[in-house]
PDB file of N, CA and C in Angstrom:
ATOM      1  N   MET A   1       9.726  49.286 -10.548  1.00  0.00           N
ATOM      2  CA  MET A   1       8.490  49.547 -10.983  1.00  0.00           C
ATOM      3  C   MET A   1       7.277  48.769 -10.865  1.00  0.00           C
ATOM      4  N   ASN A   2       7.950  47.041 -10.638  1.00  0.00           N
ATOM      5  CA  ASN A   2       6.686  46.166  -9.786  1.00  0.00           C
ATOM      6  C   ASN A   2       6.114  46.901  -8.627  1.00  0.00           C
ATOM      7  N   ALA A   3       7.296  46.831  -7.714  1.00  0.00           N
ATOM      8  CA  ALA A   3       6.659  47.617  -6.435  1.00  0.00           C
ATOM      9  C   ALA A   3       5.217  48.137  -6.386  1.00  0.00           C
ATOM     10  N   MET A   4       5.199  49.131  -7.421  1.00  0.00           N
ATOM     11  CA  MET A   4       4.233  50.481  -7.660  1.00  0.00           C
ATOM     12  C   MET A   4       3.250  49.699  -8.025  1.00  0.00           C
ATOM     13  N   MET A   5       3.713  48.746  -9.038  1.00  0.00           N
ATOM     14  CA  MET A   5       2.765  48.134  -9.639  1.00  0.00           C
ATOM     15  C   MET A   5       1.743  47.342  -8.758  1.00  0.00           C
ATOM     16  N   GLU A   6       2.159  46.997  -8.097  1.00  0.00           N
ATOM     17  CA  GLU A   6       0.971  46.261  -6.330  1.00  0.00           C
ATOM     18  C   GLU A   6       0.491  47.058  -6.058  1.00  0.00           C
ATOM     19  N   GLY A   7       1.263  47.995  -5.622  1.00  0.00           N
ATOM     20  CA  GLY A   7       1.236  48.633  -4.322  1.00  0.00           C
ATOM     21  C   GLY A   7      -0.187  49.468  -5.348  1.00  0.00           C
ATOM     22  N   GLY A   8      -0.212  49.887  -6.605  1.00  0.00           N
ATOM     23  CA  GLY A   8      -1.901  50.482  -6.898  1.00  0.00           C
ATOM     24  C   GLY A   8      -2.464  49.249  -6.970  1.00  0.00           C
ATOM     25  N   GLY A   9      -2.427  48.153  -7.335  1.00  0.00           N
ATOM     26  CA  GLY A   9      -3.178  46.978  -7.049  1.00  0.00           C
ATOM     27  C   GLY A   9      -3.934  46.652  -5.852  1.00  0.00           C
ATOM     28  N   MET A  10      -3.064  46.805  -4.871  1.00  0.00           N
ATOM     29  CA  MET A  10      -3.547  46.618  -3.551  1.00  0.00           C
ATOM     30  C   MET A  10      -4.598  47.853  -3.422  1.00  0.00           C
ATOM     31  N   MET A  11      -4.223  49.125  -3.489  1.00  0.00           N
ATOM     32  CA  MET A  11      -5.017  50.157  -3.590  1.00  0.00           C
ATOM     33  C   MET A  11      -6.379  50.060  -4.031  1.00  0.00           C
ATOM     34  N   LEU A  12      -6.360  49.536  -5.153  1.00  0.00           N
ATOM     35  CA  LEU A  12      -7.643  49.602  -6.055  1.00  0.00           C
ATOM     36  C   LEU A  12      -8.183  48.149  -5.262  1.00  0.00           C
ATOM     37  N   GLY A  13      -7.951  47.656  -4.818  1.00  0.00           N
ATOM     38  CA  GLY A  13      -8.530  46.079  -4.091  1.00  0.00           C
ATOM     39  C   GLY A  13      -9.306  46.732  -2.500  1.00  0.00           C
ATOM     40  N   MET A  14      -8.380  47.914  -1.790  1.00  0.00           N
ATOM     41  CA  MET A  14      -8.771  48.173  -1.228  1.00  0.00           C
ATOM     42  C   MET A  14     -10.217  48.988  -1.066  1.00  0.00           C
ATOM     43  N   GLY A  15      -9.767  49.727  -2.231  1.00  0.00           N
ATOM     44  CA  GLY A  15     -11.162  50.665  -2.348  1.00  0.00           C
ATOM     45  C   GLY A  15     -12.237  49.878  -2.772  1.00  0.00           C
ATOM     46  N   ILE A  16     -12.035  49.182  -3.622  1.00  0.00           N
ATOM     47  CA  ILE A  16     -13.308  47.740  -3.749  1.00  0.00           C
ATOM     48  C   ILE A  16     -13.979  47.731  -2.355  1.00  0.00           C
ATOM     49  N   VAL A  17     -13.490  47.263  -2.032  1.00  0.00           N
ATOM     50  CA  VAL A  17     -13.567  46.648  -0.325  1.00  0.00           C
ATOM     51  C   VAL A  17     -14.426  47.613   0.716  1.00  0.00           C
ATOM     52  N   GLY A  18     -14.137  48.685   0.327  1.00  0.00           N
ATOM     53  CA  GLY A  18     -14.100  49.884   1.248  1.00  0.00           C
ATOM     54  C   GLY A  18     -15.640  50.410   0.496  1.00  0.00           C
ATOM     55  N   LEU A  19     -16.047  50.973  -0.630  1.00  0.00           N
ATOM     56  CA  LEU A  19     -16.701  51.034  -1.944  1.00  0.00           C
ATOM     57  C   LEU A  19     -18.045  50.189  -1.382  1.00  0.00           C
ATOM     58  N   LEU A  20     -17.504  49.198  -1.241  1.00  0.00           N
ATOM     59  CA  LEU A  20     -18.878  47.772  -1.572  1.00  0.00           C
ATOM     60  C   LEU A  20     -19.327  48.164   0.681  1.00  0.00           C
ATOM     61  N   SER A  21     -18.377  48.590   0.999  1.00  0.00           N
ATOM     62  CA  SER A  21     -18.516  48.448   2.829  1.00  0.00           C
ATOM     63  C   SER A  21     -19.387  49.390   3.244  1.00  0.00           C
ATOM     64  N   VAL A  22     -19.082  51.007   2.454  1.00  0.00           N
ATOM     65  CA  VAL A  22     -19.940  51.916   2.450  1.00  0.00           C
ATOM     66  C   VAL A  22     -21.298  51.519   1.943  1.00  0.00           C
ATOM     67  N   ILE A  23     -21.508  50.783   0.912  1.00  0.00           N
ATOM     68  CA  ILE A  23     -23.217  50.583   0.387  1.00  0.00           C
ATOM     69  C   ILE A  23     -23.510  49.626   1.145  1.00  0.00           C
ATOM     70  N   ALA A  24     -22.743  48.680   2.030  1.00  0.00           N
ATOM     71  CA  ALA A  24     -23.288  47.582   3.204  1.00  0.00           C
ATOM     72  C   ALA A  24     -24.191  48.740   3.914  1.00  0.00           C
ATOM     73  N   LEU A  25     -23.054  49.401   4.647  1.00  0.00           N
ATOM     74  CA  LEU A  25     -23.691  50.366   5.550  1.00  0.00           C
ATOM     75  C   LEU A  25     -25.384  51.426   5.692  1.00  0.00           C
ATOM     76  N   VAL A  26     -24.651  51.876   4.107  1.00  0.00           N
ATOM     77  CA  VAL A  26     -25.648  52.922   3.834  1.00  0.00           C
ATOM     78  C   VAL A  26     -27.013  51.915   3.824  1.00  0.00           C
ATOM     79  N   LEU A  27     -26.955  50.663   3.235  1.00  0.00           N
ATOM     80  CA  LEU A  27     -28.158  49.679   2.734  1.00  0.00           C
ATOM     81  C   LEU A  27     -28.971  48.956   4.757  1.00  0.00           C
ATOM     82  N   LEU A  28     -27.898  48.898   4.976  1.00  0.00           N
ATOM     83  CA  LEU A  28     -28.199  48.698   6.732  1.00  0.00           C
ATOM     84  C   LEU A  28     -28.590  49.958   7.571  1.00  0.00           C
ATOM     85  N   ILE A  29     -28.119  50.928   7.458  1.00  0.00           N
ATOM     86  CA  ILE A  29     -28.573  52.000   7.834  1.00  0.00           C
ATOM     87  C   ILE A  29     -30.219  52.332   7.923  1.00  0.00           C
ATOM     88  N   ALA A  30     -30.336  51.991   6.060  1.00  0.00           N
ATOM     89  CA  ALA A  30     -31.247  53.050   5.640  1.00  0.00           C
ATOM     90  C   ALA A  30     -33.021  51.579   5.695  1.00  0.00           C
ATOM     91  N   ALA A  31     -32.234  50.238   6.547  1.00  0.00           N
ATOM     92  CA  ALA A  31     -33.284  48.785   6.541  1.00  0.00           C
ATOM     93  C   ALA A  31     -33.672  49.348   8.034  1.00  0.00           C
ATOM     94  N   LEU A  32     -32.510  49.638   8.974  1.00  0.00           N
ATOM     95  CA  LEU A  32     -32.651  50.338  10.709  1.00  0.00           C
ATOM     96  C   LEU A  32     -33.953  51.233  10.621  1.00  0.00           C
ATOM     97  N   VAL A  33     -33.869  52.846  10.025  1.00  0.00           N
ATOM     98  CA  VAL A  33     -34.526  53.798  10.148  1.00  0.00           C
ATOM     99  C   VAL A  33     -35.837  53.368   9.234  1.00  0.00           C
ATOM    100  N   LYS A  34     -36.000  52.404   8.286  1.00  0.00           N
ATOM    101  CA  LYS A  34     -37.614  52.065   7.742  1.00  0.00           C
ATOM    102  C   LYS A  34     -38.202  51.450   9.295  1.00  0.00           C
ATOM    103  N   TYR A  35     -37.475  50.011   9.192  1.00  0.00           N
ATOM    104  CA  TYR A  35     -38.054  49.539  10.230  1.00  0.00           C
ATOM    105  C   TYR A  35     -38.626  50.413  11.659  1.00  0.00           C
ATOM    106  N   LEU A  36     -37.385  51.146  11.977  1.00  0.00           N
ATOM    107  CA  LEU A  36     -37.645  51.517  13.097  1.00  0.00           C
ATOM    108  C   LEU A  36     -39.346  52.490  13.038  1.00  0.00           C
ATOM    109  N   PHE A  37     -39.330  53.698  12.288  1.00  0.00           N
ATOM    110  CA  PHE A  37     -40.312  54.259  12.141  1.00  0.00           C
ATOM    111  C   PHE A  37     -41.229  54.225  10.873  1.00  0.00           C
ATOM    112  N   PHE A  38     -41.571  52.947  10.195  1.00  0.00           N
ATOM    113  CA  PHE A  38     -42.634  52.361   9.706  1.00  0.00           C
ATOM    114  C   PHE A  38     -42.884  51.227  10.558  1.00  0.00           C
ATOM    115  N   SER A  39     -42.531  50.529  11.307  1.00  0.00           N
ATOM    116  CA  SER A  39     -42.901  49.267  11.590  1.00  0.00           C
ATOM    117  C   SER A  39     -43.613  49.638  12.898  1.00  0.00           C
ATOM    118  N   ARG A  40     -43.545  50.915  14.077  1.00  0.00           N
ATOM    119  CA  ARG A  40     -44.187  50.756  14.845  1.00  0.00           C
ATOM    120  C   ARG A  40     -45.645  50.619  14.404  1.00  0.00           C
ATOM    121  N   PRO A  41     -46.954  50.177  15.689  1.00  0.00           N
ATOM    122  CA  PRO A  41     -48.185  50.717  15.071  1.00  0.00           C
ATOM    123  C   PRO A  41     -48.022  52.283  14.986  1.00  0.00           C
ATOM    124  N   LYS A  42     -49.351  52.395  14.695  1.00  0.00           N
ATOM    125  CA  LYS A  42     -50.121  53.813  14.408  1.00  0.00           C
ATOM    126  C   LYS A  42     -50.321  54.634  15.788  1.00  0.00           C
ATOM    127  N   GLN A  43     -50.530  55.761  15.765  1.00  0.00           N
ATOM    128  CA  GLN A  43     -50.986  55.609  17.826  1.00  0.00           C
ATOM    129  C   GLN A  43     -51.933  56.945  17.075  1.00  0.00           C
TER     130      GLN A  43
END
């Protein structure tokens, strides 16, 4: 019973870390796209 609870907690922790990583990655990509497309001088 205890092993199962520990495994669940570990999975939950990894899920949270994964979610934060995905959010950080999305924000990074959005910032990069914005920078590449909007910081160039218009011709």
